[in-house]
Amino acid sequence: MVESKKYILFKLHEQIFAVNVQQIISIERMQTITEVPRTSEFIKGVTKLREETTPVIDLRERLLLTKLEETDNTRILVVHVNGMQIGMVVDAATEVIDIDQEMIEEPPKLVGKVRDTFLKGVAKVDERLLLILQLEQIINFEESNELKEVLEKEI
């Protein structure tokens, strides 16, 4: 029997990305984010999410995609990665689907502008090419420490 897992789909620019729902804590509407000086460009700042001060990153900027204005569809995906709760700003969260694990293929070295180190794989579902993110690679060790420092500045 083929194992299938649930993934949340979200958009960045015109590309559709997927993340395993087990890594998602919640999906929130965009809200006020307090900037923290002297941090990496992709770190937007911090905000209170579910009673917890949470660092927020701009996933579009992290993946080196073209920057767009926020809209009513802009969301913050709250995820648990590398032992931290992190908010990731995305253009829109669209749906939850099942993806058979055998449908996931190795990612090419570069998909659009997204490096393969950020991708767990690619899957074609209903004529759509889904880029499956490897959240553990989105934030490296140094950046994880930087996010922890951001939290310490805020507390």
C-alpha atoms as a PDB file:
ATOM      1  CA  MET A   1       0.000   0.000   0.000  1.00  0.00           C
ATOM      2  CA  VAL A   2       1.270   3.450  -0.947  1.00  0.00           C
ATOM      3  CA  GLU A   3       1.766   5.823   1.959  1.00  0.00           C
ATOM      4  CA  SER A   4       0.193   9.226   1.528  1.00  0.00           C
ATOM      5  CA  LYS A   5       0.650  12.296   3.722  1.00  0.00           C
ATOM      6  CA  LYS A   6      -1.262  15.537   4.057  1.00  0.00           C
ATOM      7  CA  TYR A   7       0.366  18.741   2.835  1.00  0.00           C
ATOM      8  CA  ILE A   8      -0.714  22.360   3.070  1.00  0.00           C
ATOM      9  CA  LEU A   9      -0.320  24.184  -0.231  1.00  0.00           C
ATOM     10  CA  PHE A  10       0.650  27.826  -0.375  1.00  0.00           C
ATOM     11  CA  LYS A  11       1.693  30.314  -3.009  1.00  0.00           C
ATOM     12  CA  LEU A  12       4.788  32.435  -3.354  1.00  0.00           C
ATOM     13  CA  HIS A  13       4.717  34.508  -6.515  1.00  0.00           C
ATOM     14  CA  GLU A  14       3.128  32.117  -9.043  1.00  0.00           C
ATOM     15  CA  GLN A  15       4.732  28.971  -7.654  1.00  0.00           C
ATOM     16  CA  ILE A  16       2.885  26.466  -5.480  1.00  0.00           C
ATOM     17  CA  PHE A  17       4.761  25.103  -2.480  1.00  0.00           C
ATOM     18  CA  ALA A  18       3.818  22.335  -0.073  1.00  0.00           C
ATOM     19  CA  VAL A  19       4.700  21.626   3.556  1.00  0.00           C
ATOM     20  CA  ASN A  20       3.758  18.556   5.563  1.00  0.00           C
ATOM     21  CA  VAL A  21       0.814  19.538   7.794  1.00  0.00           C
ATOM     22  CA  GLN A  22       2.500  17.908  10.783  1.00  0.00           C
ATOM     23  CA  GLN A  23       4.975  20.802  10.791  1.00  0.00           C
ATOM     24  CA  ILE A  24       2.235  23.457  10.771  1.00  0.00           C
ATOM     25  CA  ILE A  25       0.997  24.841  14.090  1.00  0.00           C
ATOM     26  CA  SER A  26      -1.503  27.281  12.586  1.00  0.00           C
ATOM     27  CA  ILE A  27      -2.255  29.615   9.690  1.00  0.00           C
ATOM     28  CA  GLU A  28      -2.803  33.229  10.706  1.00  0.00           C
ATOM     29  CA  ARG A  29      -3.893  36.391   8.935  1.00  0.00           C
ATOM     30  CA  MET A  30      -1.159  38.957   8.420  1.00  0.00           C
ATOM     31  CA  GLN A  31      -0.717  41.162  11.464  1.00  0.00           C
ATOM     32  CA  THR A  32       1.581  43.842  12.800  1.00  0.00           C
ATOM     33  CA  ILE A  33       5.194  42.729  12.938  1.00  0.00           C
ATOM     34  CA  THR A  34       7.717  44.611  15.072  1.00  0.00           C
ATOM     35  CA  GLU A  35      10.982  45.064  13.196  1.00  0.00           C
ATOM     36  CA  VAL A  36      14.189  44.132  14.973  1.00  0.00           C
ATOM     37  CA  PRO A  37      17.277  46.143  13.932  1.00  0.00           C
ATOM     38  CA  ARG A  38      20.477  44.548  12.645  1.00  0.00           C
ATOM     39  CA  THR A  39      19.014  41.238  11.496  1.00  0.00           C
ATOM     40  CA  SER A  40      19.173  39.409   8.177  1.00  0.00           C
ATOM     41  CA  GLU A  41      16.987  40.956   5.483  1.00  0.00           C
ATOM     42  CA  PHE A  42      14.595  38.012   5.326  1.00  0.00           C
ATOM     43  CA  ILE A  43      13.792  38.317   9.061  1.00  0.00           C
ATOM     44  CA  LYS A  44      10.770  40.627   9.184  1.00  0.00           C
ATOM     45  CA  GLY A  45      10.735  40.882  12.983  1.00  0.00           C
ATOM     46  CA  VAL A  46       8.579  39.464  15.765  1.00  0.00           C
ATOM     47  CA  THR A  47       4.897  39.257  16.584  1.00  0.00           C
ATOM     48  CA  LYS A  48       2.664  37.653  19.210  1.00  0.00           C
ATOM     49  CA  LEU A  49       1.154  34.431  17.880  1.00  0.00           C
ATOM     50  CA  ARG A  50      -0.890  32.235  20.187  1.00  0.00           C
ATOM     51  CA  GLU A  51       0.437  34.085  23.245  1.00  0.00           C
ATOM     52  CA  GLU A  52       4.032  33.439  22.195  1.00  0.00           C
ATOM     53  CA  THR A  53       6.512  35.993  20.855  1.00  0.00           C
ATOM     54  CA  THR A  54       7.416  34.539  17.483  1.00  0.00           C
ATOM     55  CA  PRO A  55      10.123  35.495  14.980  1.00  0.00           C
ATOM     56  CA  VAL A  56       8.677  36.029  11.502  1.00  0.00           C
ATOM     57  CA  ILE A  57      10.551  35.488   8.257  1.00  0.00           C
ATOM     58  CA  ASP A  58       9.595  36.552   4.757  1.00  0.00           C
ATOM     59  CA  LEU A  59       9.708  33.226   2.940  1.00  0.00           C
ATOM     60  CA  ARG A  60       9.644  34.964  -0.435  1.00  0.00           C
ATOM     61  CA  GLU A  61      12.789  36.914   0.456  1.00  0.00           C
ATOM     62  CA  ARG A  62      14.433  33.850   2.017  1.00  0.00           C
ATOM     63  CA  LEU A  63      13.974  31.903  -1.213  1.00  0.00           C
ATOM     64  CA  LEU A  64      15.207  34.904  -3.240  1.00  0.00           C
ATOM     65  CA  LEU A  65      11.901  35.384  -5.051  1.00  0.00           C
ATOM     66  CA  THR A  66      10.547  38.703  -6.309  1.00  0.00           C
ATOM     67  CA  LYS A  67       9.057  40.793  -3.506  1.00  0.00           C
ATOM     68  CA  LEU A  68       5.328  41.597  -3.727  1.00  0.00           C
ATOM     69  CA  GLU A  69       3.017  43.802  -1.699  1.00  0.00           C
ATOM     70  CA  GLU A  70       0.907  42.166   0.986  1.00  0.00           C
ATOM     71  CA  THR A  71      -2.733  41.490   0.103  1.00  0.00           C
ATOM     72  CA  ASP A  72      -5.825  40.273   1.937  1.00  0.00           C
ATOM     73  CA  ASN A  73      -4.665  36.748   1.073  1.00  0.00           C
ATOM     74  CA  THR A  74      -1.223  37.120   2.703  1.00  0.00           C
ATOM     75  CA  ARG A  75      -0.853  34.667   5.577  1.00  0.00           C
ATOM     76  CA  ILE A  76       1.616  33.700   8.265  1.00  0.00           C
ATOM     77  CA  LEU A  77       2.263  29.960   8.423  1.00  0.00           C
ATOM     78  CA  VAL A  78       3.251  29.198  11.996  1.00  0.00           C
ATOM     79  CA  VAL A  79       5.606  26.236  11.945  1.00  0.00           C
ATOM     80  CA  HIS A  80       7.740  24.281  14.359  1.00  0.00           C
ATOM     81  CA  VAL A  81      11.241  23.909  12.966  1.00  0.00           C
ATOM     82  CA  ASN A  82      14.618  23.273  14.589  1.00  0.00           C
ATOM     83  CA  GLY A  83      13.016  23.427  18.053  1.00  0.00           C
ATOM     84  CA  MET A  84      11.448  26.851  17.488  1.00  0.00           C
ATOM     85  CA  GLN A  85       8.090  28.334  16.624  1.00  0.00           C
ATOM     86  CA  ILE A  86       8.588  30.505  13.524  1.00  0.00           C
ATOM     87  CA  GLY A  87       6.150  32.494  11.410  1.00  0.00           C
ATOM     88  CA  MET A  88       6.648  32.396   7.645  1.00  0.00           C
ATOM     89  CA  VAL A  89       4.944  35.035   5.495  1.00  0.00           C
ATOM     90  CA  VAL A  90       3.411  33.541   2.317  1.00  0.00           C
ATOM     91  CA  ASP A  91       1.253  35.065  -0.427  1.00  0.00           C
ATOM     92  CA  ALA A  92      -1.690  32.730   0.234  1.00  0.00           C
ATOM     93  CA  ALA A  93      -2.457  29.395   1.883  1.00  0.00           C
ATOM     94  CA  THR A  94      -4.716  27.563  -0.534  1.00  0.00           C
ATOM     95  CA  GLU A  95      -5.635  24.012   0.463  1.00  0.00           C
ATOM     96  CA  VAL A  96      -4.700  20.757   2.168  1.00  0.00           C
ATOM     97  CA  ILE A  97      -4.169  17.730  -0.063  1.00  0.00           C
ATOM     98  CA  ASP A  98      -2.927  14.143   0.181  1.00  0.00           C
ATOM     99  CA  ILE A  99       0.254  13.363  -1.724  1.00  0.00           C
ATOM    100  CA  ASP A 100       1.353   9.775  -2.290  1.00  0.00           C
ATOM    101  CA  GLN A 101       4.965   9.523  -1.182  1.00  0.00           C
ATOM    102  CA  GLU A 102       5.905   7.627  -4.353  1.00  0.00           C
ATOM    103  CA  MET A 103       4.842  10.695  -6.394  1.00  0.00           C
ATOM    104  CA  ILE A 104       7.584  12.808  -4.812  1.00  0.00           C
ATOM    105  CA  GLU A 105      10.707  13.007  -6.956  1.00  0.00           C
ATOM    106  CA  GLU A 106      14.171  14.385  -6.257  1.00  0.00           C
ATOM    107  CA  PRO A 107      14.275  18.124  -6.893  1.00  0.00           C
ATOM    108  CA  PRO A 108      16.351  19.494  -9.760  1.00  0.00           C
ATOM    109  CA  LYS A 109      19.323  21.648  -8.686  1.00  0.00           C
ATOM    110  CA  LEU A 110      17.324  24.816  -9.290  1.00  0.00           C
ATOM    111  CA  VAL A 111      13.577  25.271  -9.690  1.00  0.00           C
ATOM    112  CA  GLY A 112      12.926  28.804 -10.843  1.00  0.00           C
ATOM    113  CA  LYS A 113      15.145  30.704  -8.420  1.00  0.00           C
ATOM    114  CA  VAL A 114      14.692  28.226  -5.545  1.00  0.00           C
ATOM    115  CA  ARG A 115      17.808  26.187  -4.702  1.00  0.00           C
ATOM    116  CA  ASP A 116      17.384  22.443  -4.253  1.00  0.00           C
ATOM    117  CA  THR A 117      18.766  22.598  -0.689  1.00  0.00           C
ATOM    118  CA  PHE A 118      15.437  24.152   0.359  1.00  0.00           C
ATOM    119  CA  LEU A 119      13.411  21.422  -1.356  1.00  0.00           C
ATOM    120  CA  LYS A 120      12.548  17.942  -0.159  1.00  0.00           C
ATOM    121  CA  GLY A 121      11.213  17.111  -3.609  1.00  0.00           C
ATOM    122  CA  VAL A 122       8.757  17.932  -6.356  1.00  0.00           C
ATOM    123  CA  ALA A 123       5.418  16.291  -7.091  1.00  0.00           C
ATOM    124  CA  LYS A 124       3.001  16.627  -9.972  1.00  0.00           C
ATOM    125  CA  VAL A 125      -0.591  16.557  -8.734  1.00  0.00           C
ATOM    126  CA  ASP A 126      -3.555  17.348 -10.986  1.00  0.00           C
ATOM    127  CA  GLU A 127      -1.299  18.939 -13.620  1.00  0.00           C
ATOM    128  CA  ARG A 128       0.302  21.214 -10.976  1.00  0.00           C
ATOM    129  CA  LEU A 129       3.979  21.062 -10.106  1.00  0.00           C
ATOM    130  CA  LEU A 130       4.325  21.302  -6.319  1.00  0.00           C
ATOM    131  CA  LEU A 131       7.618  22.263  -4.682  1.00  0.00           C
ATOM    132  CA  ILE A 132       7.833  20.456  -1.354  1.00  0.00           C
ATOM    133  CA  LEU A 133       9.834  22.497   1.140  1.00  0.00           C
ATOM    134  CA  GLN A 134      12.323  21.054   3.580  1.00  0.00           C
ATOM    135  CA  LEU A 135      11.702  23.422   6.485  1.00  0.00           C
ATOM    136  CA  GLU A 136      14.777  22.291   8.398  1.00  0.00           C
ATOM    137  CA  GLN A 137      16.897  23.751   5.579  1.00  0.00           C
ATOM    138  CA  ILE A 138      15.086  27.106   5.394  1.00  0.00           C
ATOM    139  CA  ILE A 139      16.876  28.247   8.556  1.00  0.00           C
ATOM    140  CA  ASN A 140      20.485  27.134   8.984  1.00  0.00           C
ATOM    141  CA  PHE A 141      22.290  26.887  12.338  1.00  0.00           C
ATOM    142  CA  GLU A 142      23.610  30.471  12.325  1.00  0.00           C
ATOM    143  CA  GLU A 143      20.232  31.866  11.293  1.00  0.00           C
ATOM    144  CA  SER A 144      18.526  29.783  13.966  1.00  0.00           C
ATOM    145  CA  ASN A 145      20.840  31.386  16.532  1.00  0.00           C
ATOM    146  CA  GLU A 146      20.040  34.807  15.046  1.00  0.00           C
ATOM    147  CA  LEU A 147      16.300  34.135  15.484  1.00  0.00           C
ATOM    148  CA  LYS A 148      16.906  33.105  19.103  1.00  0.00           C
ATOM    149  CA  GLU A 149      18.799  36.374  19.654  1.00  0.00           C
ATOM    150  CA  VAL A 150      15.859  38.269  18.124  1.00  0.00           C
ATOM    151  CA  LEU A 151      13.589  36.652  20.707  1.00  0.00           C
ATOM    152  CA  GLU A 152      15.971  37.496  23.547  1.00  0.00           C
ATOM    153  CA  LYS A 153      16.015  41.168  22.475  1.00  0.00           C
ATOM    154  CA  GLU A 154      12.225  41.223  22.636  1.00  0.00           C
ATOM    155  CA  ILE A 155      11.816  39.561  26.028  1.00  0.00           C
END
